[in-house]
Amino acid sequence: MNILTWLKSLFSRRERSLAVYRSGMVKAKKGDFAGAIVDYTQTLEAKNTPPDVVAMAMYNRALAYSAIHEDAKAAQDLKDVLAMPSLPESIKVAASQRQERVRRREA
């Protein structure tokens, strides 16, 4: 495989992952949280999904779970997001804040 072919496959994988992730975003905006969860899960389960897309999909899946009051699943996704290496500080702060809200709601 030459470098051009490798780069092309890398970008196409990213684009496929992002397309499914974006589909979840659209569904979540419309209030279709179950549909959004399906799309985010497909993004997470796809082979070779880039780490930044994994983090976004998992965080947004946690928000969707939270919206339908599946707090245990939301908490687990947030815990997993916070365990990811090289996570930008803004994502860590947002995930930590959301995790605290979920914890308070469970109490």
Protein backbone atom coordinates (compact mmCIF):
# COMPACT_ATOMS: atom_id res chain seq x y z
CA MET A 1 0.00 0.00 0.00
CA ASN A 2 1.50 3.33 -0.99
CA ILE A 3 1.32 6.43 1.19
CA LEU A 4 -1.41 8.07 -0.90
CA THR A 5 -3.67 5.05 -0.62
CA TRP A 6 -3.03 4.83 3.12
CA LEU A 7 -3.86 8.53 3.64
CA LYS A 8 -7.00 8.21 1.54
CA SER A 9 -8.22 5.24 3.57
CA LEU A 10 -7.45 7.10 6.80
CA PHE A 11 -9.57 10.09 5.79
CA SER A 12 -12.40 7.97 4.46
CA ARG A 13 -12.61 6.05 7.78
CA ARG A 14 -12.73 9.33 9.65
CA GLU A 15 -15.41 10.68 7.33
CA ARG A 16 -17.52 7.53 7.70
CA SER A 17 -17.26 7.72 11.48
CA LEU A 18 -18.11 11.41 11.46
CA ALA A 19 -21.12 10.85 9.19
CA VAL A 20 -22.69 8.39 11.63
CA TYR A 21 -21.76 10.62 14.59
CA ARG A 22 -23.37 13.63 12.90
CA SER A 23 -26.49 11.59 12.23
CA GLY A 24 -26.69 11.03 15.98
CA MET A 25 -26.31 14.75 16.60
CA VAL A 26 -29.21 15.53 14.26
CA LYS A 27 -31.40 12.93 15.97
CA ALA A 28 -30.52 14.25 19.43
CA LYS A 29 -31.41 17.80 18.38
CA LYS A 30 -34.82 16.52 17.27
CA GLY A 31 -35.34 14.77 20.61
CA ASP A 32 -34.83 11.27 19.17
CA PHE A 33 -32.44 10.22 21.93
CA ALA A 34 -32.88 6.49 21.33
CA GLY A 35 -31.94 6.96 17.66
CA ALA A 36 -29.00 9.14 18.65
CA ILE A 37 -27.76 6.46 21.05
CA VAL A 38 -27.88 3.89 18.24
CA ASP A 39 -25.78 6.14 15.98
CA TYR A 40 -23.27 7.01 18.71
CA THR A 41 -22.94 3.32 19.57
CA GLN A 42 -22.33 2.44 15.91
CA THR A 43 -19.61 5.09 15.82
CA LEU A 44 -18.00 3.62 18.92
CA GLU A 45 -18.17 0.06 17.60
CA ALA A 46 -16.78 0.84 14.14
CA LYS A 47 -13.26 -0.37 13.50
CA ASN A 48 -10.53 2.25 13.51
CA THR A 49 -12.69 5.16 14.64
CA PRO A 50 -10.26 7.99 15.45
CA PRO A 51 -9.83 8.69 19.20
CA ASP A 52 -11.26 12.22 19.03
CA VAL A 53 -14.42 10.93 17.34
CA VAL A 54 -14.68 8.16 19.97
CA ALA A 55 -14.50 10.79 22.73
CA MET A 56 -17.16 12.98 21.09
CA ALA A 57 -19.50 10.04 20.44
CA MET A 58 -19.13 8.69 23.97
CA TYR A 59 -19.68 12.10 25.58
CA ASN A 60 -22.76 12.77 23.45
CA ARG A 61 -24.10 9.28 24.08
CA ALA A 62 -23.82 10.03 27.80
CA LEU A 63 -25.88 13.19 27.26
CA ALA A 64 -28.51 11.20 25.37
CA TYR A 65 -28.64 8.55 28.09
CA SER A 66 -29.00 11.31 30.66
CA ALA A 67 -31.85 12.87 28.69
CA ILE A 68 -33.84 9.63 28.91
CA HIS A 69 -32.88 9.15 32.58
CA GLU A 70 -30.62 6.14 32.04
CA ASP A 71 -28.23 7.60 34.56
CA ALA A 72 -26.12 4.49 35.19
CA LYS A 73 -25.25 4.25 31.49
CA ALA A 74 -24.60 7.99 31.30
CA ALA A 75 -22.31 7.80 34.32
CA GLN A 76 -20.35 4.91 32.82
CA ASP A 77 -19.85 6.73 29.51
CA LEU A 78 -18.68 9.84 31.35
CA LYS A 79 -16.29 7.77 33.46
CA ASP A 80 -14.90 6.20 30.28
CA VAL A 81 -14.51 9.61 28.62
CA LEU A 82 -12.60 10.94 31.62
CA ALA A 83 -10.28 7.91 31.51
CA MET A 84 -9.23 8.65 27.92
CA PRO A 85 -5.64 9.81 27.49
CA SER A 86 -4.86 13.17 25.90
CA LEU A 87 -8.35 14.52 26.41
CA PRO A 88 -8.55 18.32 26.00
CA GLU A 89 -9.10 20.17 29.27
CA SER A 90 -12.41 21.63 28.08
CA ILE A 91 -13.82 18.14 27.51
CA LYS A 92 -12.59 16.97 30.92
CA VAL A 93 -14.31 19.90 32.61
CA ALA A 94 -17.57 19.39 30.71
CA ALA A 95 -17.58 15.63 31.40
CA SER A 96 -16.79 16.17 35.08
CA GLN A 97 -19.60 18.70 35.45
CA ARG A 98 -22.08 16.42 33.69
CA GLN A 99 -20.93 13.49 35.82
CA GLU A 100 -21.63 15.50 38.97
CA ARG A 101 -25.14 16.39 37.73
CA VAL A 102 -25.87 12.73 37.03
CA ARG A 103 -24.58 11.79 40.48
CA ARG A 104 -26.83 14.36 42.16
CA ARG A 105 -29.85 13.18 40.20
CA GLU A 106 -29.22 9.56 41.20
CA ALA A 107 -29.11 10.51 44.91
